[in-house]
């Protein structure tokens, strides 16, 4: 169990250290505290922060997205005029995977099937067929076995998962976008200065060093833009924002909602694999899969080893569900505007088709996310 928690412990050590820097202040005229959590972004703690109103909004006129009062689009501007630096305010809706019905049993069943086929020496040409057959033979039993032992807090629809869904539906950020134009295409670098959520009237800033890419010396979150122009519209190609979604969810559940971050890790002991495999095989030494052209045997030992690997995998994920390093991918059309009518672009606004995917699985199956922002030229 010690090796299981190594990645979790390292990641959360950063988060806990950041949480220790949390301090509550009362803004002039406020009736309650506003929490500012050091986010590794160079914040001095003197930023103005939104406060939630009685209806759960942040007082901006929207329910967690960018403010309704957006820069006046003004006269259209050409793409060449858009070159420069912009201050960006935006939000992501990252709640789709949490609001679904996927369970830890699904995770364990998928990994067990994949590992068991690999360990059994099935010819590569038959691996896919064998995996489908094995899932059909034992998949539901594995899911039911694991889900029956899953802590109530980690079940779909639990109070914790509902609260996490609300939080991740309103993940807000501030960034700086530097655009350049070579006459045919535009490229840019977006550097995230602040990522935060609002909960019960308090602003909680996510430690950027924690969710930055798992690379040597990486302490910030950034994204590279590429795009083309069509009149007053910038078409931005899909690009990665490596926010490490699993760590974000784990941090929110622990630091904001007070959940035990080791719930999944402590819930499943690999010793239960002997019991599970006995149920799957009926006490036999192997399972026989009837494929189209031949039979394949999956030995009991391979099933036990695959089960242990699957439980370790679930224990190493955030809440048993999400890989720590999961990124998001965003892109789409952005309106280029000239709010003051001086012939130079000074605003960027995401359009309705701007959004992307949360890459928790293969891209075609990944849940869609909403990604909205407004930006003003500096």
Protein backbone atom coordinates (compact mmCIF):
# COMPACT_ATOMS: atom_id res chain seq x y z
CA UNK A 1 0.00 0.00 0.00
CA UNK A 2 2.93 2.32 0.54
CA UNK A 3 3.88 2.34 -3.14
CA UNK A 4 0.27 2.98 -4.08
CA UNK A 5 0.16 6.28 -2.26
CA UNK A 6 3.49 7.65 -3.47
CA UNK A 7 2.13 9.71 -6.39
CA UNK A 8 -0.84 10.87 -4.35
CA UNK A 9 1.34 11.83 -1.39
CA UNK A 10 3.78 13.84 -3.51
CA UNK A 11 1.02 15.75 -5.25
CA UNK A 12 -0.96 16.48 -2.14
CA UNK A 13 2.12 17.61 -0.24
CA UNK A 14 2.26 20.57 -2.60
CA UNK A 15 -1.44 21.23 -2.12
CA UNK A 16 -1.25 21.03 1.66
CA UNK A 17 1.72 23.37 1.72
CA UNK A 18 -0.25 25.81 -0.40
CA UNK A 19 -3.27 25.45 1.86
CA UNK A 20 -1.12 26.43 4.81
CA UNK A 21 -0.72 29.82 3.16
CA UNK A 22 -4.49 30.39 3.14
CA UNK A 23 -5.63 33.47 4.98
CA UNK A 24 -9.05 35.00 5.43
CA UNK A 25 -9.57 38.69 5.01
CA UNK A 26 -12.59 40.90 5.04
CA UNK A 27 -12.94 43.36 2.21
CA UNK A 28 -14.16 46.86 3.14
CA UNK A 29 -17.93 46.71 3.28
CA UNK A 30 -18.04 42.90 3.33
CA UNK A 31 -19.99 41.09 6.00
CA UNK A 32 -17.90 37.95 5.95
CA UNK A 33 -14.46 36.59 5.16
CA UNK A 34 -13.03 36.13 1.71
CA UNK A 35 -10.45 33.36 1.52
CA UNK A 36 -7.40 33.91 -0.66
CA UNK A 37 -5.36 30.76 -1.14
CA UNK A 38 -1.84 31.15 -2.48
CA UNK A 39 -1.93 29.61 -5.92
CA UNK A 40 1.71 29.57 -6.90
CA UNK A 41 1.02 32.33 -9.37
CA UNK A 42 2.81 35.17 -7.70
CA UNK A 43 -0.38 36.52 -6.16
CA UNK A 44 0.20 39.07 -3.42
CA UNK A 45 -3.19 38.49 -1.83
CA UNK A 46 -4.34 41.96 -2.82
CA UNK A 47 -6.43 41.07 -5.85
CA UNK A 48 -10.12 41.89 -5.92
CA UNK A 49 -12.01 38.64 -5.76
CA UNK A 50 -15.65 37.88 -6.58
CA UNK A 51 -17.96 36.99 -3.74
CA UNK A 52 -20.95 34.72 -4.05
CA UNK A 53 -24.38 36.21 -3.48
CA UNK A 54 -27.33 34.54 -1.78
CA UNK A 55 -28.36 32.90 -5.06
CA UNK A 56 -24.98 31.14 -5.37
CA UNK A 57 -23.60 33.38 -8.09
CA UNK A 58 -20.47 35.47 -7.76
CA UNK A 59 -22.28 38.75 -8.26
CA UNK A 60 -21.08 39.06 -11.85
CA UNK A 61 -24.51 38.46 -13.33
CA UNK A 62 -23.74 34.94 -14.52
CA UNK A 63 -23.79 31.56 -12.88
CA UNK A 64 -20.07 30.90 -12.76
CA UNK A 65 -19.02 31.82 -16.26
CA UNK A 66 -17.43 34.99 -17.55
CA UNK A 67 -19.30 38.20 -16.69
CA UNK A 68 -22.42 39.05 -18.70
CA UNK A 69 -21.03 42.54 -19.19
CA UNK A 70 -18.56 41.75 -21.94
CA UNK A 71 -16.47 44.12 -23.99
CA UNK A 72 -18.50 45.85 -26.68
CA UNK A 73 -17.65 44.01 -29.90
CA UNK A 74 -17.57 47.33 -31.72
CA UNK A 75 -16.44 47.57 -35.32
CA UNK A 76 -14.86 44.48 -36.92
CA UNK A 77 -11.08 44.40 -36.84
CA UNK A 78 -8.69 42.63 -39.15
CA UNK A 79 -6.52 39.81 -37.84
CA UNK A 80 -3.35 41.86 -38.36
CA UNK A 81 -4.72 44.36 -35.88
CA UNK A 82 -5.09 41.61 -33.26
CA UNK A 83 -1.37 41.25 -32.64
CA UNK A 84 -0.49 42.16 -29.06
CA UNK A 85 -0.96 41.18 -25.44
CA UNK A 86 -4.37 40.55 -23.86
CA UNK A 87 -5.66 40.11 -20.32
CA UNK A 88 -8.08 37.17 -20.33
CA UNK A 89 -10.92 36.27 -17.96
CA UNK A 90 -12.53 32.91 -18.61
CA UNK A 91 -14.15 29.79 -17.25
CA UNK A 92 -14.35 26.09 -17.99
CA UNK A 93 -17.18 23.67 -17.30
CA UNK A 94 -15.31 20.46 -16.39
CA UNK A 95 -18.19 18.70 -14.65
CA UNK A 96 -19.24 16.18 -17.31
CA UNK A 97 -17.18 13.18 -16.09
CA UNK A 98 -18.30 13.73 -12.49
CA UNK A 99 -21.96 14.06 -13.34
CA UNK A 100 -22.03 10.78 -15.28
CA UNK A 101 -22.68 7.26 -14.07
CA UNK A 102 -19.15 5.92 -14.45
CA UNK A 103 -18.03 4.02 -11.35
CA UNK A 104 -14.83 2.65 -9.85
CA UNK A 105 -16.13 -0.77 -10.84
CA UNK A 106 -15.98 0.33 -14.48
CA UNK A 107 -12.34 1.36 -14.04
CA UNK A 108 -11.35 -1.91 -12.37
CA UNK A 109 -13.18 -4.06 -14.92
CA UNK A 110 -11.53 -2.29 -17.86
CA UNK A 111 -8.02 -2.61 -16.44
CA UNK A 112 -8.54 -6.20 -15.28
CA UNK A 113 -9.67 -7.32 -18.72
CA UNK A 114 -6.78 -5.58 -20.48
CA UNK A 115 -4.18 -6.92 -18.04
CA UNK A 116 -5.54 -10.47 -17.98
CA UNK A 117 -5.44 -10.77 -21.76
CA UNK A 118 -1.90 -9.37 -21.86
CA UNK A 119 -0.69 -11.74 -19.10
CA UNK A 120 -2.23 -14.81 -20.69
CA UNK A 121 -0.07 -14.77 -23.79
CA UNK A 122 -2.98 -14.42 -26.19
CA UNK A 123 -1.68 -13.95 -29.77
CA UNK A 124 -1.74 -10.27 -30.69
CA UNK A 125 -4.12 -10.93 -33.59
CA UNK A 126 -6.69 -12.26 -31.10
CA UNK A 127 -6.23 -9.78 -28.25
CA UNK A 128 -9.14 -7.49 -29.14
CA UNK A 129 -11.54 -10.40 -29.64
CA UNK A 130 -10.37 -12.03 -26.42
CA UNK A 131 -10.83 -8.76 -24.49
CA UNK A 132 -14.41 -8.41 -25.74
CA UNK A 133 -15.12 -12.03 -24.83
CA UNK A 134 -13.57 -11.72 -21.38
CA UNK A 135 -15.50 -8.54 -20.63
CA UNK A 136 -18.68 -10.28 -21.71
CA UNK A 137 -17.89 -13.23 -19.46
CA UNK A 138 -16.83 -11.45 -16.27
CA UNK A 139 -17.11 -7.67 -16.76
CA UNK A 140 -20.46 -7.19 -15.06
CA UNK A 141 -19.47 -9.43 -12.16
CA UNK A 142 -16.28 -7.44 -11.60
CA UNK A 143 -18.15 -4.14 -11.71
CA UNK A 144 -20.79 -5.35 -9.28
CA UNK A 145 -18.19 -6.79 -6.89
CA UNK A 146 -16.18 -3.56 -6.76
CA UNK A 147 -19.15 -1.17 -6.71
CA UNK A 148 -20.68 -3.06 -3.78
CA UNK A 149 -17.51 -2.26 -1.81
CA UNK A 150 -17.11 1.34 -2.97
CA UNK A 151 -17.44 3.94 -0.19
CA UNK A 152 -20.76 5.77 -0.33
CA UNK A 153 -18.95 9.10 -0.83
CA UNK A 154 -17.52 7.92 -4.17
CA UNK A 155 -20.76 6.66 -5.68
CA UNK A 156 -22.44 8.62 -8.50
CA UNK A 157 -24.95 11.06 -7.09
CA UNK A 158 -23.46 11.15 -3.58
CA UNK A 159 -23.34 14.54 -1.80
CA UNK A 160 -19.57 14.70 -2.40
CA UNK A 161 -19.87 13.97 -6.12
CA UNK A 162 -22.76 16.42 -6.47
CA UNK A 163 -20.73 19.15 -4.77
CA UNK A 164 -17.71 18.37 -6.95
CA UNK A 165 -19.90 18.59 -10.01
CA UNK A 166 -21.02 22.07 -8.99
CA UNK A 167 -17.45 23.20 -8.31
CA UNK A 168 -15.98 21.87 -11.56
CA UNK A 169 -18.82 23.41 -13.55
CA UNK A 170 -17.40 26.84 -12.63
CA UNK A 171 -13.61 26.69 -12.80
CA UNK A 172 -12.45 30.24 -13.49
CA UNK A 173 -9.14 31.59 -14.63
CA UNK A 174 -7.15 34.69 -15.46
CA UNK A 175 -4.40 34.55 -18.05
CA UNK A 176 -2.22 36.60 -20.34
CA UNK A 177 -2.40 35.94 -24.07
CA UNK A 178 0.36 37.12 -26.41
CA UNK A 179 -0.66 36.99 -30.10
CA UNK A 180 1.60 37.42 -33.13
CA UNK A 181 0.78 37.50 -36.85
CA UNK A 182 2.96 36.56 -39.81
CA UNK A 183 0.46 37.75 -42.39
CA UNK A 184 -1.15 34.37 -42.99
CA UNK A 185 -1.54 32.74 -39.60
CA UNK A 186 -1.66 33.77 -35.98
CA UNK A 187 0.14 32.06 -33.12
CA UNK A 188 0.11 32.82 -29.46
CA UNK A 189 1.03 31.78 -25.97
CA UNK A 190 -1.47 31.85 -23.15
CA UNK A 191 0.00 31.84 -19.64
CA UNK A 192 -2.39 31.15 -16.78
CA UNK A 193 -1.89 33.43 -13.80
CA UNK A 194 -4.76 32.32 -11.63
CA UNK A 195 -7.19 29.37 -11.55
CA UNK A 196 -9.86 29.38 -8.87
CA UNK A 197 -13.34 28.35 -7.73
CA UNK A 198 -15.89 30.08 -5.52
CA UNK A 199 -17.57 28.05 -2.79
CA UNK A 200 -19.82 29.36 -0.02
CA UNK A 201 -18.69 32.92 -0.65
CA UNK A 202 -14.99 32.09 -0.53
CA UNK A 203 -12.49 32.11 -3.34
CA UNK A 204 -10.16 29.13 -3.42
CA UNK A 205 -7.12 29.47 -5.67
CA UNK A 206 -5.69 26.28 -7.09
CA UNK A 207 -1.90 25.92 -6.58
CA UNK A 208 -0.61 26.27 -10.12
CA UNK A 209 2.62 24.46 -9.30
CA UNK A 210 0.55 21.41 -8.34
CA UNK A 211 -1.49 21.14 -11.54
CA UNK A 212 1.31 22.25 -13.88
CA UNK A 213 2.56 19.56 -16.29
CA UNK A 214 4.55 16.79 -14.64
CA UNK A 215 7.82 17.89 -16.18
CA UNK A 216 11.12 18.96 -14.62
CA UNK A 217 10.98 22.53 -13.31
CA UNK A 218 7.39 23.03 -14.53
CA UNK A 219 5.74 25.53 -12.20
CA UNK A 220 3.16 27.18 -14.46
CA UNK A 221 0.32 26.30 -16.80
CA UNK A 222 0.53 27.53 -20.39
CA UNK A 223 -1.01 26.77 -23.77
CA UNK A 224 0.03 27.44 -27.35
CA UNK A 225 -2.44 28.85 -29.83
CA UNK A 226 -2.45 28.44 -33.61
CA UNK A 227 -5.14 29.87 -35.85
CA UNK A 228 -6.27 31.55 -39.03
CA UNK A 229 -8.48 34.55 -39.76
CA UNK A 230 -11.76 35.01 -41.59
CA UNK A 231 -12.65 38.66 -41.37
CA UNK A 232 -13.33 39.49 -37.75
CA UNK A 233 -13.11 35.86 -36.58
CA UNK A 234 -10.07 34.01 -35.34
CA UNK A 235 -10.39 30.25 -35.84
CA UNK A 236 -8.28 28.69 -33.09
CA UNK A 237 -7.08 25.14 -33.62
CA UNK A 238 -7.72 22.66 -30.78
CA UNK A 239 -4.82 22.90 -28.34
CA UNK A 240 -3.92 21.25 -25.04
CA UNK A 241 -4.20 22.96 -21.68
CA UNK A 242 -2.34 20.63 -19.34
CA UNK A 243 -4.09 21.34 -16.08
CA UNK A 244 -3.81 17.76 -14.66
CA UNK A 245 -7.53 17.31 -14.14
CA UNK A 246 -7.24 14.42 -11.71
CA UNK A 247 -5.10 16.44 -9.32
CA UNK A 248 -7.46 19.39 -9.66
CA UNK A 249 -10.43 17.19 -8.68
CA UNK A 250 -8.51 15.63 -5.79
CA UNK A 251 -7.46 19.06 -4.49
CA UNK A 252 -11.01 20.42 -4.72
CA UNK A 253 -12.45 17.41 -2.90
CA UNK A 254 -9.92 17.68 -0.08
CA UNK A 255 -9.11 21.37 0.33
CA UNK A 256 -12.50 22.84 -0.55
CA UNK A 257 -14.99 20.12 0.41
CA UNK A 258 -13.01 18.44 3.20
CA UNK A 259 -13.15 14.87 1.83
CA UNK A 260 -10.52 12.27 2.67
CA UNK A 261 -8.22 12.22 -0.39
CA UNK A 262 -7.28 8.59 0.31
CA UNK A 263 -10.85 7.23 0.15
CA UNK A 264 -10.23 5.14 -2.95
CA UNK A 265 -6.77 4.07 -1.85
CA UNK A 266 -7.98 2.73 1.49
CA UNK A 267 -11.18 1.13 0.21
CA UNK A 268 -9.77 -1.76 -1.81
CA UNK A 269 -7.24 -4.27 -0.53
CA UNK A 270 -5.59 -6.44 -3.16
CA UNK A 271 -6.27 -9.42 -0.88
CA UNK A 272 -9.89 -9.29 -2.04
CA UNK A 273 -8.73 -10.41 -5.49
CA UNK A 274 -8.60 -14.04 -4.37
CA UNK A 275 -12.26 -13.85 -3.39
CA UNK A 276 -13.22 -12.11 -6.62
CA UNK A 277 -11.37 -14.56 -8.88
CA UNK A 278 -12.86 -17.54 -7.03
CA UNK A 279 -16.28 -16.10 -7.85
CA UNK A 280 -15.35 -15.51 -11.48
CA UNK A 281 -13.90 -18.97 -12.10
CA UNK A 282 -16.17 -21.00 -9.82
CA UNK A 283 -13.03 -22.46 -8.27
CA UNK A 284 -11.60 -23.65 -11.60
CA UNK A 285 -7.99 -23.16 -12.64
CA UNK A 286 -8.90 -21.06 -15.65
CA UNK A 287 -11.60 -19.47 -17.77
CA UNK A 288 -12.16 -20.72 -21.31
CA UNK A 289 -13.17 -18.09 -23.88
CA UNK A 290 -14.84 -19.39 -27.02
CA UNK A 291 -13.58 -17.20 -29.86
CA UNK A 292 -14.60 -17.46 -33.50
CA UNK A 293 -11.70 -19.64 -34.64
CA UNK A 294 -10.28 -21.03 -31.42
CA UNK A 295 -10.55 -21.23 -27.66
CA UNK A 296 -8.42 -19.11 -25.32
CA UNK A 297 -7.68 -19.97 -21.71
CA UNK A 298 -7.20 -17.25 -19.09
CA UNK A 299 -5.46 -18.79 -16.08
CA UNK A 300 -6.47 -18.16 -12.50
CA UNK A 301 -3.04 -16.71 -11.70
CA UNK A 302 -3.31 -14.24 -14.56
CA UNK A 303 -6.72 -13.15 -13.31
CA UNK A 304 -5.45 -12.60 -9.76
CA UNK A 305 -2.46 -10.59 -10.99
CA UNK A 306 -4.70 -8.58 -13.32
CA UNK A 307 -7.12 -7.88 -10.47
CA UNK A 308 -4.33 -6.61 -8.23
CA UNK A 309 -3.05 -4.34 -11.01
CA UNK A 310 -6.57 -3.02 -11.58
CA UNK A 311 -7.12 -2.22 -7.90
CA UNK A 312 -3.73 -0.51 -7.72
CA UNK A 313 -4.69 1.54 -10.77
CA UNK A 314 -7.98 2.64 -9.19
CA UNK A 315 -6.18 3.48 -5.93
CA UNK A 316 -3.72 5.67 -7.84
CA UNK A 317 -6.46 7.75 -9.49
CA UNK A 318 -8.23 10.76 -8.07
CA UNK A 319 -11.29 9.39 -6.25
CA UNK A 320 -10.61 6.08 -8.01
CA UNK A 321 -11.77 7.52 -11.33
CA UNK A 322 -9.51 10.12 -12.91
CA UNK A 323 -5.87 9.85 -13.94
CA UNK A 324 -3.88 12.65 -12.35
CA UNK A 325 -2.39 13.97 -15.60
CA UNK A 326 -5.57 14.25 -17.69
CA UNK A 327 -5.45 17.47 -19.78
CA UNK A 328 -8.17 19.43 -21.53
CA UNK A 329 -8.26 20.43 -25.18
CA UNK A 330 -9.94 23.65 -26.33
CA UNK A 331 -10.37 25.57 -29.55
CA UNK A 332 -12.96 27.16 -31.81
CA UNK A 333 -13.96 30.56 -33.15
CA UNK A 334 -13.07 33.80 -31.38
CA UNK A 335 -14.53 37.20 -32.29
CA UNK A 336 -12.01 39.99 -32.79
CA UNK A 337 -13.47 43.40 -31.92
CA UNK A 338 -12.64 47.08 -31.88
CA UNK A 339 -14.54 48.42 -28.90
CA UNK A 340 -13.32 52.02 -29.08
CA UNK A 341 -13.56 52.34 -32.86
CA UNK A 342 -9.97 53.42 -33.41
CA UNK A 343 -9.35 50.84 -36.13
CA UNK A 344 -7.27 48.57 -33.89
CA UNK A 345 -8.44 45.34 -32.30
CA UNK A 346 -8.76 45.56 -28.54
CA UNK A 347 -11.16 42.75 -27.57
CA UNK A 348 -11.39 39.00 -28.06
CA UNK A 349 -14.56 37.09 -27.21
CA UNK A 350 -15.20 33.35 -27.46
CA UNK A 351 -18.15 32.40 -29.65
CA UNK A 352 -20.74 29.70 -29.05
CA UNK A 353 -18.74 27.05 -30.87
CA UNK A 354 -15.63 27.62 -28.75
CA UNK A 355 -15.08 24.65 -26.44
CA UNK A 356 -13.35 21.32 -26.36
CA UNK A 357 -12.87 17.97 -24.67
CA UNK A 358 -11.72 16.67 -21.33
CA UNK A 359 -9.37 13.88 -22.39
CA UNK A 360 -10.27 11.31 -19.75
CA UNK A 361 -10.49 8.70 -22.52
CA UNK A 362 -9.90 8.43 -26.26
CA UNK A 363 -10.76 11.73 -27.96
CA UNK A 364 -13.87 10.49 -29.86
CA UNK A 365 -15.37 9.35 -26.54
CA UNK A 366 -14.16 12.23 -24.37
CA UNK A 367 -16.81 14.43 -22.74
CA UNK A 368 -17.32 17.88 -24.20
CA UNK A 369 -16.51 20.94 -22.11
CA UNK A 370 -17.67 24.53 -22.33
CA UNK A 371 -14.86 27.09 -22.48
CA UNK A 372 -15.78 30.79 -22.52
CA UNK A 373 -13.66 33.91 -22.17
CA UNK A 374 -13.34 37.60 -22.84
CA UNK A 375 -10.05 39.45 -23.31
CA UNK A 376 -8.97 43.09 -23.46
CA UNK A 377 -5.80 44.42 -25.00
CA UNK A 378 -3.28 45.52 -22.43
